[in-house]
Protein backbone atom coordinates (compact mmCIF):
# COMPACT_ATOMS: atom_id res chain seq x y z
CA UNK A 1 0.00 0.00 0.00
CA UNK A 2 2.82 2.44 0.82
CA UNK A 3 4.31 1.84 -2.63
CA UNK A 4 0.98 2.79 -4.25
CA UNK A 5 0.84 5.95 -2.14
CA UNK A 6 4.44 6.71 -3.11
CA UNK A 7 3.64 6.43 -6.83
CA UNK A 8 0.52 8.59 -6.43
CA UNK A 9 2.53 11.31 -4.65
CA UNK A 10 5.17 11.30 -7.38
CA UNK A 11 2.63 11.24 -10.23
CA UNK A 12 0.68 14.15 -8.73
CA UNK A 13 3.92 16.03 -8.07
CA UNK A 14 3.21 16.28 -4.34
CA UNK A 15 6.54 14.71 -3.45
CA UNK A 16 9.57 16.75 -4.48
CA UNK A 17 11.32 15.47 -7.59
CA UNK A 18 14.75 15.55 -5.97
CA UNK A 19 17.00 12.76 -7.33
CA UNK A 20 19.19 13.00 -4.22
CA UNK A 21 16.23 12.59 -1.86
CA UNK A 22 13.47 10.61 -3.64
CA UNK A 23 10.37 9.32 -1.84
CA UNK A 24 11.44 6.11 -0.11
CA UNK A 25 9.68 3.24 1.63
CA UNK A 26 11.76 2.15 4.61
CA UNK A 27 11.08 -1.47 5.57
CA UNK A 28 11.37 -1.21 9.33
CA UNK A 29 9.33 -2.82 12.12
CA UNK A 30 6.66 -0.32 11.11
CA UNK A 31 7.21 0.46 7.40
CA UNK A 32 7.48 4.18 6.66
CA UNK A 33 7.05 6.17 3.46
CA UNK A 34 9.29 9.21 3.75
CA UNK A 35 9.38 12.14 1.33
CA UNK A 36 9.81 15.90 1.07
CA UNK A 37 6.75 17.97 0.19
CA UNK A 38 7.26 19.58 -3.22
CA UNK A 39 5.60 22.88 -2.28
CA UNK A 40 6.61 23.61 1.31
CA UNK A 41 9.77 21.52 1.48
CA UNK A 42 8.57 19.80 4.66
CA UNK A 43 9.82 16.33 5.58
CA UNK A 44 6.86 13.90 5.79
CA UNK A 45 6.64 10.35 7.16
CA UNK A 46 3.58 8.18 6.47
CA UNK A 47 2.81 4.90 8.23
CA UNK A 48 -0.27 2.68 8.06
CA UNK A 49 -1.94 0.80 10.92
CA UNK A 50 0.51 2.27 13.41
CA UNK A 51 -1.70 2.64 16.49
CA UNK A 52 1.28 3.43 18.70
CA UNK A 53 2.31 6.25 16.36
CA UNK A 54 -1.24 7.60 16.32
CA UNK A 55 -1.28 7.62 20.13
CA UNK A 56 2.05 9.47 20.24
CA UNK A 57 0.88 12.06 17.71
CA UNK A 58 -2.30 12.66 19.71
CA UNK A 59 -0.33 12.88 22.95
CA UNK A 60 1.99 15.52 21.50
CA UNK A 61 -0.99 17.46 20.15
CA UNK A 62 -2.68 17.33 23.58
CA UNK A 63 0.48 18.60 25.27
CA UNK A 64 0.68 21.50 22.83
CA UNK A 65 -2.98 22.37 23.50
CA UNK A 66 -2.50 22.18 27.25
CA UNK A 67 0.56 24.42 27.35
CA UNK A 68 1.45 26.56 24.33
CA UNK A 69 5.08 26.75 25.54
CA UNK A 70 5.50 23.03 24.86
CA UNK A 71 5.44 23.41 21.07
CA UNK A 72 7.98 26.23 21.13
CA UNK A 73 10.38 24.43 23.47
CA UNK A 74 9.94 21.11 21.62
CA UNK A 75 10.77 22.73 18.27
CA UNK A 76 13.85 24.41 19.77
CA UNK A 77 15.07 21.16 21.32
CA UNK A 78 14.45 19.27 18.07
CA UNK A 79 16.37 21.88 16.05
CA UNK A 80 19.22 21.73 18.57
CA UNK A 81 19.27 17.92 18.45
CA UNK A 82 19.27 17.87 14.65
CA UNK A 83 22.09 20.41 14.54
CA UNK A 84 24.11 18.39 17.04
CA UNK A 85 23.49 15.16 15.13
CA UNK A 86 21.42 13.74 17.99
CA UNK A 87 18.05 13.29 16.21
CA UNK A 88 18.81 10.41 13.86
CA UNK A 89 17.45 7.17 15.35
CA UNK A 90 18.58 5.12 12.32
CA UNK A 91 22.13 5.83 13.50
CA UNK A 92 21.51 5.08 17.17
CA UNK A 93 20.65 8.55 18.44
CA UNK A 94 17.43 9.96 19.90
CA UNK A 95 14.10 9.89 18.09
CA UNK A 96 11.44 12.60 18.25
CA UNK A 97 9.46 10.69 20.87
CA UNK A 98 12.50 10.70 23.18
CA UNK A 99 12.82 14.45 22.70
CA UNK A 100 9.12 14.85 23.46
CA UNK A 101 9.58 12.99 26.73
CA UNK A 102 12.57 15.16 27.65
CA UNK A 103 10.63 18.37 27.05
CA UNK A 104 7.46 17.22 28.79
CA UNK A 105 9.16 16.22 32.07
PDB file of N, CA and C in Angstrom:
ATOM      1  N   UNK A   1       0.817  -1.190   0.000  1.00  0.00           N
ATOM      2  CA  UNK A   1       0.000   0.000   0.000  1.00  0.00           C
ATOM      3  C   UNK A   1       0.870   1.267   0.000  1.00  0.00           C
ATOM      4  N   UNK A   2       1.951   1.258   0.786  1.00  0.00           N
ATOM      5  CA  UNK A   2       2.821   2.438   0.816  1.00  0.00           C
ATOM      6  C   UNK A   2       3.449   2.706  -0.546  1.00  0.00           C
ATOM      7  N   UNK A   3       3.733   1.649  -1.296  1.00  0.00           N
ATOM      8  CA  UNK A   3       4.309   1.842  -2.632  1.00  0.00           C
ATOM      9  C   UNK A   3       3.294   2.499  -3.569  1.00  0.00           C
ATOM     10  N   UNK A   4       2.021   2.144  -3.425  1.00  0.00           N
ATOM     11  CA  UNK A   4       0.985   2.795  -4.252  1.00  0.00           C
ATOM     12  C   UNK A   4       0.828   4.265  -3.871  1.00  0.00           C
ATOM     13  N   UNK A   5       0.905   4.551  -2.579  1.00  0.00           N
ATOM     14  CA  UNK A   5       0.839   5.950  -2.138  1.00  0.00           C
ATOM     15  C   UNK A   5       2.046   6.711  -2.671  1.00  0.00           C
ATOM     16  N   UNK A   6       3.211   6.087  -2.607  1.00  0.00           N
ATOM     17  CA  UNK A   6       4.440   6.713  -3.114  1.00  0.00           C
ATOM     18  C   UNK A   6       4.280   7.092  -4.594  1.00  0.00           C
ATOM     19  N   UNK A   7       3.805   6.153  -5.397  1.00  0.00           N
ATOM     20  CA  UNK A   7       3.636   6.425  -6.829  1.00  0.00           C
ATOM     21  C   UNK A   7       2.596   7.523  -7.076  1.00  0.00           C
ATOM     22  N   UNK A   8       1.533   7.544  -6.289  1.00  0.00           N
ATOM     23  CA  UNK A   8       0.516   8.590  -6.431  1.00  0.00           C
ATOM     24  C   UNK A   8       1.097   9.959  -6.092  1.00  0.00           C
ATOM     25  N   UNK A   9       1.908  10.037  -5.039  1.00  0.00           N
ATOM     26  CA  UNK A   9       2.526  11.308  -4.650  1.00  0.00           C
ATOM     27  C   UNK A   9       3.467  11.815  -5.735  1.00  0.00           C
ATOM     28  N   UNK A  10       4.233  10.913  -6.325  1.00  0.00           N
ATOM     29  CA  UNK A  10       5.172  11.299  -7.382  1.00  0.00           C
ATOM     30  C   UNK A  10       4.408  11.717  -8.631  1.00  0.00           C
ATOM     31  N   UNK A  11       3.401  10.931  -9.022  1.00  0.00           N
ATOM     32  CA  UNK A  11       2.629  11.242 -10.230  1.00  0.00           C
ATOM     33  C   UNK A  11       1.871  12.560 -10.127  1.00  0.00           C
ATOM     34  N   UNK A  12       1.417  12.891  -8.929  1.00  0.00           N
ATOM     35  CA  UNK A  12       0.676  14.147  -8.727  1.00  0.00           C
ATOM     36  C   UNK A  12       1.593  15.302  -8.346  1.00  0.00           C
ATOM     37  N   UNK A  13       2.899  15.039  -8.366  1.00  0.00           N
ATOM     38  CA  UNK A  13       3.923  16.035  -8.066  1.00  0.00           C
ATOM     39  C   UNK A  13       3.785  16.649  -6.661  1.00  0.00           C
ATOM     40  N   UNK A  14       3.285  15.845  -5.733  1.00  0.00           N
ATOM     41  CA  UNK A  14       3.206  16.281  -4.341  1.00  0.00           C
ATOM     42  C   UNK A  14       4.565  16.109  -3.684  1.00  0.00           C
ATOM     43  N   UNK A  15       5.205  14.975  -3.975  1.00  0.00           N
ATOM     44  CA  UNK A  15       6.544  14.714  -3.450  1.00  0.00           C
ATOM     45  C   UNK A  15       7.558  15.413  -4.340  1.00  0.00           C
ATOM     46  N   UNK A  16       8.539  16.027  -3.725  1.00  0.00           N
ATOM     47  CA  UNK A  16       9.566  16.750  -4.476  1.00  0.00           C
ATOM     48  C   UNK A  16      10.307  15.796  -5.408  1.00  0.00           C
ATOM     49  N   UNK A  17      10.580  16.269  -6.599  1.00  0.00           N
ATOM     50  CA  UNK A  17      11.316  15.469  -7.590  1.00  0.00           C
ATOM     51  C   UNK A  17      12.807  15.723  -7.430  1.00  0.00           C
ATOM     52  N   UNK A  18      13.340  15.342  -6.285  1.00  0.00           N
ATOM     53  CA  UNK A  18      14.750  15.547  -5.975  1.00  0.00           C
ATOM     54  C   UNK A  18      15.474  14.211  -6.126  1.00  0.00           C
ATOM     55  N   UNK A  19      16.338  14.058  -7.125  1.00  0.00           N
ATOM     56  CA  UNK A  19      17.004  12.764  -7.327  1.00  0.00           C
ATOM     57  C   UNK A  19      17.908  12.360  -6.163  1.00  0.00           C
ATOM     58  N   UNK A  20      18.345  13.321  -5.369  1.00  0.00           N
ATOM     59  CA  UNK A  20      19.192  13.003  -4.217  1.00  0.00           C
ATOM     60  C   UNK A  20      18.378  12.578  -3.001  1.00  0.00           C
ATOM     61  N   UNK A  21      17.088  12.908  -2.999  1.00  0.00           N
ATOM     62  CA  UNK A  21      16.228  12.595  -1.857  1.00  0.00           C
ATOM     63  C   UNK A  21      14.847  12.168  -2.360  1.00  0.00           C
ATOM     64  N   UNK A  22      14.762  11.037  -3.094  1.00  0.00           N
ATOM     65  CA  UNK A  22      13.471  10.613  -3.645  1.00  0.00           C
ATOM     66  C   UNK A  22      12.568  10.037  -2.551  1.00  0.00           C
ATOM     67  N   UNK A  23      11.255   9.991  -2.789  1.00  0.00           N
ATOM     68  CA  UNK A  23      10.369   9.319  -1.835  1.00  0.00           C
ATOM     69  C   UNK A  23      10.827   7.879  -1.651  1.00  0.00           C
ATOM     70  N   UNK A  24      10.884   7.425  -0.418  1.00  0.00           N
ATOM     71  CA  UNK A  24      11.437   6.111  -0.105  1.00  0.00           C
ATOM     72  C   UNK A  24      10.538   5.372   0.876  1.00  0.00           C
ATOM     73  N   UNK A  25      10.356   4.091   0.656  1.00  0.00           N
ATOM     74  CA  UNK A  25       9.676   3.241   1.626  1.00  0.00           C
ATOM     75  C   UNK A  25      10.752   2.513   2.419  1.00  0.00           C
ATOM     76  N   UNK A  26      10.781   2.771   3.715  1.00  0.00           N
ATOM     77  CA  UNK A  26      11.757   2.145   4.607  1.00  0.00           C
ATOM     78  C   UNK A  26      11.084   0.934   5.246  1.00  0.00           C
ATOM     79  N   UNK A  27      11.645  -0.230   5.019  1.00  0.00           N
ATOM     80  CA  UNK A  27      11.079  -1.466   5.567  1.00  0.00           C
ATOM     81  C   UNK A  27      11.628  -1.708   6.960  1.00  0.00           C
ATOM     82  N   UNK A  28      11.000  -1.060   7.926  1.00  0.00           N
ATOM     83  CA  UNK A  28      11.374  -1.211   9.329  1.00  0.00           C
ATOM     84  C   UNK A  28      10.302  -2.044  10.026  1.00  0.00           C
ATOM     85  N   UNK A  29      10.367  -2.116  11.356  1.00  0.00           N
ATOM     86  CA  UNK A  29       9.333  -2.819  12.123  1.00  0.00           C
ATOM     87  C   UNK A  29       7.960  -2.292  11.743  1.00  0.00           C
ATOM     88  N   UNK A  30       7.847  -0.971  11.645  1.00  0.00           N
ATOM     89  CA  UNK A  30       6.660  -0.315  11.107  1.00  0.00           C
ATOM     90  C   UNK A  30       7.124   0.388   9.830  1.00  0.00           C
ATOM     91  N   UNK A  31       6.755  -0.161   8.647  1.00  0.00           N
ATOM     92  CA  UNK A  31       7.214   0.457   7.395  1.00  0.00           C
ATOM     93  C   UNK A  31       6.797   1.924   7.300  1.00  0.00           C
ATOM     94  N   UNK A  32       7.691   2.743   6.742  1.00  0.00           N
ATOM     95  CA  UNK A  32       7.477   4.184   6.662  1.00  0.00           C
ATOM     96  C   UNK A  32       7.742   4.654   5.237  1.00  0.00           C
ATOM     97  N   UNK A  33       6.818   5.468   4.725  1.00  0.00           N
ATOM     98  CA  UNK A  33       7.054   6.173   3.465  1.00  0.00           C
ATOM     99  C   UNK A  33       7.539   7.554   3.857  1.00  0.00           C
ATOM    100  N   UNK A  34       8.717   7.916   3.411  1.00  0.00           N
ATOM    101  CA  UNK A  34       9.286   9.214   3.753  1.00  0.00           C
ATOM    102  C   UNK A  34       9.541  10.004   2.476  1.00  0.00           C
ATOM    103  N   UNK A  35       9.171  11.289   2.503  1.00  0.00           N
ATOM    104  CA  UNK A  35       9.385  12.138   1.332  1.00  0.00           C
ATOM    105  C   UNK A  35       9.417  13.594   1.762  1.00  0.00           C
ATOM    106  N   UNK A  36       9.811  14.458   0.840  1.00  0.00           N
ATOM    107  CA  UNK A  36       9.808  15.898   1.074  1.00  0.00           C
ATOM    108  C   UNK A  36       8.702  16.510   0.232  1.00  0.00           C
ATOM    109  N   UNK A  37       7.851  17.302   0.879  1.00  0.00           N
ATOM    110  CA  UNK A  37       6.748  17.965   0.189  1.00  0.00           C
ATOM    111  C   UNK A  37       7.307  18.901  -0.881  1.00  0.00           C
ATOM    112  N   UNK A  38       6.758  18.808  -2.096  1.00  0.00           N
ATOM    113  CA  UNK A  38       7.262  19.582  -3.220  1.00  0.00           C
ATOM    114  C   UNK A  38       6.964  21.061  -3.140  1.00  0.00           C
ATOM    115  N   UNK A  39       5.965  21.466  -2.362  1.00  0.00           N
ATOM    116  CA  UNK A  39       5.595  22.877  -2.277  1.00  0.00           C
ATOM    117  C   UNK A  39       6.262  23.559  -1.088  1.00  0.00           C
ATOM    118  N   UNK A  40       6.101  22.976   0.085  1.00  0.00           N
ATOM    119  CA  UNK A  40       6.608  23.606   1.309  1.00  0.00           C
ATOM    120  C   UNK A  40       8.003  23.143   1.712  1.00  0.00           C
ATOM    121  N   UNK A  41       8.457  22.044   1.127  1.00  0.00           N
ATOM    122  CA  UNK A  41       9.766  21.518   1.482  1.00  0.00           C
ATOM    123  C   UNK A  41       9.805  20.826   2.829  1.00  0.00           C
ATOM    124  N   UNK A  42       8.630  20.457   3.368  1.00  0.00           N
ATOM    125  CA  UNK A  42       8.566  19.796   4.664  1.00  0.00           C
ATOM    126  C   UNK A  42       8.872  18.313   4.534  1.00  0.00           C
ATOM    127  N   UNK A  43       9.554  17.767   5.528  1.00  0.00           N
ATOM    128  CA  UNK A  43       9.816  16.331   5.581  1.00  0.00           C
ATOM    129  C   UNK A  43       8.558  15.650   6.118  1.00  0.00           C
ATOM    130  N   UNK A  44       8.090  14.600   5.420  1.00  0.00           N
ATOM    131  CA  UNK A  44       6.862  13.905   5.790  1.00  0.00           C
ATOM    132  C   UNK A  44       7.144  12.406   5.919  1.00  0.00           C
ATOM    133  N   UNK A  45       6.605  11.799   6.980  1.00  0.00           N
ATOM    134  CA  UNK A  45       6.642  10.351   7.159  1.00  0.00           C
ATOM    135  C   UNK A  45       5.209   9.850   7.213  1.00  0.00           C
ATOM    136  N   UNK A  46       4.921   8.780   6.470  1.00  0.00           N
ATOM    137  CA  UNK A  46       3.584   8.177   6.470  1.00  0.00           C
ATOM    138  C   UNK A  46       3.715   6.719   6.875  1.00  0.00           C
ATOM    139  N   UNK A  47       2.894   6.306   7.848  1.00  0.00           N
ATOM    140  CA  UNK A  47       2.809   4.903   8.227  1.00  0.00           C
ATOM    141  C   UNK A  47       1.342   4.497   8.175  1.00  0.00           C
ATOM    142  N   UNK A  48       1.093   3.206   8.073  1.00  0.00           N
ATOM    143  CA  UNK A  48      -0.266   2.683   8.064  1.00  0.00           C
ATOM    144  C   UNK A  48      -0.436   1.701   9.217  1.00  0.00           C
ATOM    145  N   UNK A  49      -1.606   1.721   9.823  1.00  0.00           N
ATOM    146  CA  UNK A  49      -1.941   0.796  10.925  1.00  0.00           C
ATOM    147  C   UNK A  49      -0.921   0.870  12.052  1.00  0.00           C
ATOM    148  N   UNK A  50      -0.468   2.067  12.346  1.00  0.00           N
ATOM    149  CA  UNK A  50       0.511   2.266  13.411  1.00  0.00           C
ATOM    150  C   UNK A  50      -0.201   2.927  14.589  1.00  0.00           C
ATOM    151  N   UNK A  51      -0.893   2.107  15.386  1.00  0.00           N
ATOM    152  CA  UNK A  51      -1.697   2.641  16.488  1.00  0.00           C
ATOM    153  C   UNK A  51      -0.829   3.334  17.536  1.00  0.00           C
ATOM    154  N   UNK A  52       0.365   2.811  17.762  1.00  0.00           N
ATOM    155  CA  UNK A  52       1.284   3.429  18.705  1.00  0.00           C
ATOM    156  C   UNK A  52       1.686   4.830  18.222  1.00  0.00           C
ATOM    157  N   UNK A  53       1.963   4.948  16.929  1.00  0.00           N
ATOM    158  CA  UNK A  53       2.312   6.246  16.365  1.00  0.00           C
ATOM    159  C   UNK A  53       1.152   7.226  16.436  1.00  0.00           C
ATOM    160  N   UNK A  54      -0.063   6.735  16.228  1.00  0.00           N
ATOM    161  CA  UNK A  54      -1.243   7.599  16.320  1.00  0.00           C
ATOM    162  C   UNK A  54      -1.416   8.098  17.753  1.00  0.00           C
ATOM    163  N   UNK A  55      -1.192   7.212  18.725  1.00  0.00           N
ATOM    164  CA  UNK A  55      -1.277   7.620  20.127  1.00  0.00           C
ATOM    165  C   UNK A  55      -0.250   8.704  20.432  1.00  0.00           C
ATOM    166  N   UNK A  56       0.991   8.502  19.973  1.00  0.00           N
ATOM    167  CA  UNK A  56       2.051   9.470  20.241  1.00  0.00           C
ATOM    168  C   UNK A  56       1.741  10.820  19.610  1.00  0.00           C
ATOM    169  N   UNK A  57       1.235  10.809  18.378  1.00  0.00           N
ATOM    170  CA  UNK A  57       0.880  12.064  17.711  1.00  0.00           C
ATOM    171  C   UNK A  57      -0.208  12.795  18.488  1.00  0.00           C
ATOM    172  N   UNK A  58      -1.210  12.053  18.931  1.00  0.00           N
ATOM    173  CA  UNK A  58      -2.304  12.660  19.706  1.00  0.00           C
ATOM    174  C   UNK A  58      -1.783  13.198  21.041  1.00  0.00           C
ATOM    175  N   UNK A  59      -0.899  12.454  21.676  1.00  0.00           N
ATOM    176  CA  UNK A  59      -0.328  12.883  22.948  1.00  0.00           C
ATOM    177  C   UNK A  59       0.428  14.202  22.794  1.00  0.00           C
ATOM    178  N   UNK A  60       1.239  14.287  21.749  1.00  0.00           N
ATOM    179  CA  UNK A  60       1.993  15.520  21.496  1.00  0.00           C
ATOM    180  C   UNK A  60       1.039  16.678  21.226  1.00  0.00           C
ATOM    181  N   UNK A  61      -0.003  16.418  20.448  1.00  0.00           N
ATOM    182  CA  UNK A  61      -0.991  17.464  20.146  1.00  0.00           C
ATOM    183  C   UNK A  61      -1.667  17.936  21.433  1.00  0.00           C
ATOM    184  N   UNK A  62      -2.038  16.986  22.310  1.00  0.00           N
ATOM    185  CA  UNK A  62      -2.679  17.334  23.580  1.00  0.00           C
ATOM    186  C   UNK A  62      -1.747  18.182  24.452  1.00  0.00           C
ATOM    187  N   UNK A  63      -0.479  17.810  24.502  1.00  0.00           N
ATOM    188  CA  UNK A  63       0.483  18.604  25.271  1.00  0.00           C
ATOM    189  C   UNK A  63       0.557  20.036  24.746  1.00  0.00           C
ATOM    190  N   UNK A  64       0.591  20.172  23.433  1.00  0.00           N
ATOM    191  CA  UNK A  64       0.677  21.499  22.833  1.00  0.00           C
ATOM    192  C   UNK A  64      -0.582  22.318  23.114  1.00  0.00           C
ATOM    193  N   UNK A  65      -1.733  21.659  23.182  1.00  0.00           N
ATOM    194  CA  UNK A  65      -2.976  22.370  23.495  1.00  0.00           C
ATOM    195  C   UNK A  65      -3.027  22.781  24.960  1.00  0.00           C
ATOM    196  N   UNK A  66      -2.491  21.925  25.815  1.00  0.00           N
ATOM    197  CA  UNK A  66      -2.500  22.182  27.254  1.00  0.00           C
ATOM    198  C   UNK A  66      -1.591  23.339  27.633  1.00  0.00           C
ATOM    199  N   UNK A  67      -0.426  23.379  27.026  1.00  0.00           N
ATOM    200  CA  UNK A  67       0.555  24.421  27.347  1.00  0.00           C
ATOM    201  C   UNK A  67       1.232  24.866  26.048  1.00  0.00           C
ATOM    202  N   UNK A  68       0.940  26.054  25.613  1.00  0.00           N
ATOM    203  CA  UNK A  68       1.455  26.564  24.334  1.00  0.00           C
ATOM    204  C   UNK A  68       2.985  26.623  24.318  1.00  0.00           C
ATOM    205  N   UNK A  69       3.611  26.711  25.480  1.00  0.00           N
ATOM    206  CA  UNK A  69       5.076  26.749  25.537  1.00  0.00           C
ATOM    207  C   UNK A  69       5.691  25.440  25.079  1.00  0.00           C
ATOM    208  N   UNK A  70       4.955  24.339  25.222  1.00  0.00           N
ATOM    209  CA  UNK A  70       5.497  23.031  24.861  1.00  0.00           C
ATOM    210  C   UNK A  70       5.949  22.999  23.402  1.00  0.00           C
ATOM    211  N   UNK A  71       5.095  23.464  22.497  1.00  0.00           N
ATOM    212  CA  UNK A  71       5.437  23.410  21.074  1.00  0.00           C
ATOM    213  C   UNK A  71       6.703  24.213  20.777  1.00  0.00           C
ATOM    214  N   UNK A  72       6.816  25.380  21.365  1.00  0.00           N
ATOM    215  CA  UNK A  72       7.979  26.228  21.129  1.00  0.00           C
ATOM    216  C   UNK A  72       9.252  25.555  21.643  1.00  0.00           C
ATOM    217  N   UNK A  73       9.197  25.064  22.877  1.00  0.00           N
ATOM    218  CA  UNK A  73      10.376  24.427  23.472  1.00  0.00           C
ATOM    219  C   UNK A  73      10.717  23.139  22.724  1.00  0.00           C
ATOM    220  N   UNK A  74       9.692  22.356  22.349  1.00  0.00           N
ATOM    221  CA  UNK A  74       9.942  21.114  21.615  1.00  0.00           C
ATOM    222  C   UNK A  74      10.634  21.402  20.289  1.00  0.00           C
ATOM    223  N   UNK A  75      10.152  22.393  19.557  1.00  0.00           N
ATOM    224  CA  UNK A  75      10.773  22.728  18.266  1.00  0.00           C
ATOM    225  C   UNK A  75      12.221  23.179  18.457  1.00  0.00           C
ATOM    226  N   UNK A  76      12.472  23.968  19.496  1.00  0.00           N
ATOM    227  CA  UNK A  76      13.846  24.412  19.772  1.00  0.00           C
ATOM    228  C   UNK A  76      14.753  23.229  20.108  1.00  0.00           C
ATOM    229  N   UNK A  77      14.267  22.327  20.952  1.00  0.00           N
ATOM    230  CA  UNK A  77      15.070  21.155  21.320  1.00  0.00           C
ATOM    231  C   UNK A  77      15.309  20.276  20.106  1.00  0.00           C
ATOM    232  N   UNK A  78      14.288  20.112  19.262  1.00  0.00           N
ATOM    233  CA  UNK A  78      14.446  19.272  18.072  1.00  0.00           C
ATOM    234  C   UNK A  78      15.462  19.899  17.105  1.00  0.00           C
ATOM    235  N   UNK A  79      15.388  21.212  16.902  1.00  0.00           N
ATOM    236  CA  UNK A  79      16.369  21.883  16.046  1.00  0.00           C
ATOM    237  C   UNK A  79      17.776  21.737  16.608  1.00  0.00           C
ATOM    238  N   UNK A  80      17.911  21.911  17.928  1.00  0.00           N
ATOM    239  CA  UNK A  80      19.217  21.734  18.570  1.00  0.00           C
ATOM    240  C   UNK A  80      19.725  20.311  18.356  1.00  0.00           C
ATOM    241  N   UNK A  81      18.861  19.314  18.585  1.00  0.00           N
ATOM    242  CA  UNK A  81      19.265  17.916  18.453  1.00  0.00           C
ATOM    243  C   UNK A  81      19.663  17.590  17.018  1.00  0.00           C
ATOM    244  N   UNK A  82      18.917  18.107  16.055  1.00  0.00           N
ATOM    245  CA  UNK A  82      19.270  17.871  14.649  1.00  0.00           C
ATOM    246  C   UNK A  82      20.621  18.496  14.324  1.00  0.00           C
ATOM    247  N   UNK A  83      20.825  19.732  14.793  1.00  0.00           N
ATOM    248  CA  UNK A  83      22.091  20.414  14.539  1.00  0.00           C
ATOM    249  C   UNK A  83      23.286  19.726  15.185  1.00  0.00           C
ATOM    250  N   UNK A  84      23.033  19.089  16.322  1.00  0.00           N
ATOM    251  CA  UNK A  84      24.105  18.394  17.038  1.00  0.00           C
ATOM    252  C   UNK A  84      24.248  16.941  16.586  1.00  0.00           C
ATOM    253  N   UNK A  85      23.434  16.531  15.610  1.00  0.00           N
ATOM    254  CA  UNK A  85      23.489  15.157  15.130  1.00  0.00           C
ATOM    255  C   UNK A  85      22.919  14.148  16.107  1.00  0.00           C
ATOM    256  N   UNK A  86      21.991  14.604  16.956  1.00  0.00           N
ATOM    257  CA  UNK A  86      21.421  13.738  17.990  1.00  0.00           C
ATOM    258  C   UNK A  86      19.995  13.298  17.702  1.00  0.00           C
ATOM    259  N   UNK A  87      19.435  13.655  16.561  1.00  0.00           N
ATOM    260  CA  UNK A  87      18.053  13.289  16.214  1.00  0.00           C
ATOM    261  C   UNK A  87      18.055  12.459  14.931  1.00  0.00           C
ATOM    262  N   UNK A  88      18.705  11.307  15.015  1.00  0.00           N
ATOM    263  CA  UNK A  88      18.805  10.410  13.864  1.00  0.00           C
ATOM    264  C   UNK A  88      18.760   8.971  14.369  1.00  0.00           C
ATOM    265  N   UNK A  89      17.550   8.480  14.711  1.00  0.00           N
ATOM    266  CA  UNK A  89      17.454   7.167  15.345  1.00  0.00           C
ATOM    267  C   UNK A  89      17.989   6.017  14.490  1.00  0.00           C
ATOM    268  N   UNK A  90      18.018   6.183  13.175  1.00  0.00           N
ATOM    269  CA  UNK A  90      18.579   5.122  12.318  1.00  0.00           C
ATOM    270  C   UNK A  90      20.054   4.895  12.635  1.00  0.00           C
ATOM    271  N   UNK A  91      20.704   5.931  13.170  1.00  0.00           N
ATOM    272  CA  UNK A  91      22.128   5.831  13.501  1.00  0.00           C
ATOM    273  C   UNK A  91      22.364   5.758  15.007  1.00  0.00           C
ATOM    274  N   UNK A  92      21.343   5.332  15.744  1.00  0.00           N
ATOM    275  CA  UNK A  92      21.512   5.082  17.168  1.00  0.00           C
ATOM    276  C   UNK A  92      21.376   6.282  18.077  1.00  0.00           C
ATOM    277  N   UNK A  93      20.843   7.380  17.573  1.00  0.00           N
ATOM    278  CA  UNK A  93      20.646   8.546  18.440  1.00  0.00           C
ATOM    279  C   UNK A  93      19.170   8.663  18.806  1.00  0.00           C
ATOM    280  N   UNK A  94      18.784   9.771  19.390  1.00  0.00           N
ATOM    281  CA  UNK A  94      17.427   9.957  19.905  1.00  0.00           C
ATOM    282  C   UNK A  94      16.406  10.126  18.779  1.00  0.00           C
ATOM    283  N   UNK A  95      15.192   9.634  19.021  1.00  0.00           N
ATOM    284  CA  UNK A  95      14.096   9.890  18.087  1.00  0.00           C
ATOM    285  C   UNK A  95      13.238  11.027  18.629  1.00  0.00           C
ATOM    286  N   UNK A  96      12.278  11.462  17.849  1.00  0.00           N
ATOM    287  CA  UNK A  96      11.438  12.596  18.252  1.00  0.00           C
ATOM    288  C   UNK A  96      10.621  12.290  19.503  1.00  0.00           C
ATOM    289  N   UNK A  97      10.213  11.048  19.673  1.00  0.00           N
ATOM    290  CA  UNK A  97       9.456  10.685  20.874  1.00  0.00           C
ATOM    291  C   UNK A  97      10.320  10.868  22.125  1.00  0.00           C
ATOM    292  N   UNK A  98      11.584  10.498  22.048  1.00  0.00           N
ATOM    293  CA  UNK A  98      12.496  10.700  23.185  1.00  0.00           C
ATOM    294  C   UNK A  98      12.629  12.184  23.518  1.00  0.00           C
ATOM    295  N   UNK A  99      12.727  12.999  22.470  1.00  0.00           N
ATOM    296  CA  UNK A  99      12.823  14.445  22.700  1.00  0.00           C
ATOM    297  C   UNK A  99      11.543  14.983  23.313  1.00  0.00           C
ATOM    298  N   UNK A 100      10.396  14.452  22.882  1.00  0.00           N
ATOM    299  CA  UNK A 100       9.115  14.854  23.459  1.00  0.00           C
ATOM    300  C   UNK A 100       9.101  14.568  24.949  1.00  0.00           C
ATOM    301  N   UNK A 101       9.564  13.376  25.331  1.00  0.00           N
ATOM    302  CA  UNK A 101       9.583  12.992  26.730  1.00  0.00           C
ATOM    303  C   UNK A 101      10.514  13.900  27.543  1.00  0.00           C
ATOM    304  N   UNK A 102      11.637  14.267  26.964  1.00  0.00           N
ATOM    305  CA  UNK A 102      12.567  15.157  27.652  1.00  0.00           C
ATOM    306  C   UNK A 102      11.930  16.514  27.910  1.00  0.00           C
ATOM    307  N   UNK A 103      11.234  17.046  26.916  1.00  0.00           N
ATOM    308  CA  UNK A 103      10.625  18.369  27.048  1.00  0.00           C
ATOM    309  C   UNK A 103       9.441  18.345  27.995  1.00  0.00           C
ATOM    310  N   UNK A 104       8.686  17.259  27.995  1.00  0.00           N
ATOM    311  CA  UNK A 104       7.459  17.216  28.790  1.00  0.00           C
ATOM    312  C   UNK A 104       7.702  16.939  30.269  1.00  0.00           C
ATOM    313  N   UNK A 105       8.915  16.519  30.650  1.00  0.00           N
ATOM    314  CA  UNK A 105       9.157  16.218  32.067  1.00  0.00           C
ATOM    315  C   UNK A 105       9.796  17.370  32.797  1.00  0.00           C
TER     316      UNK A 105
END
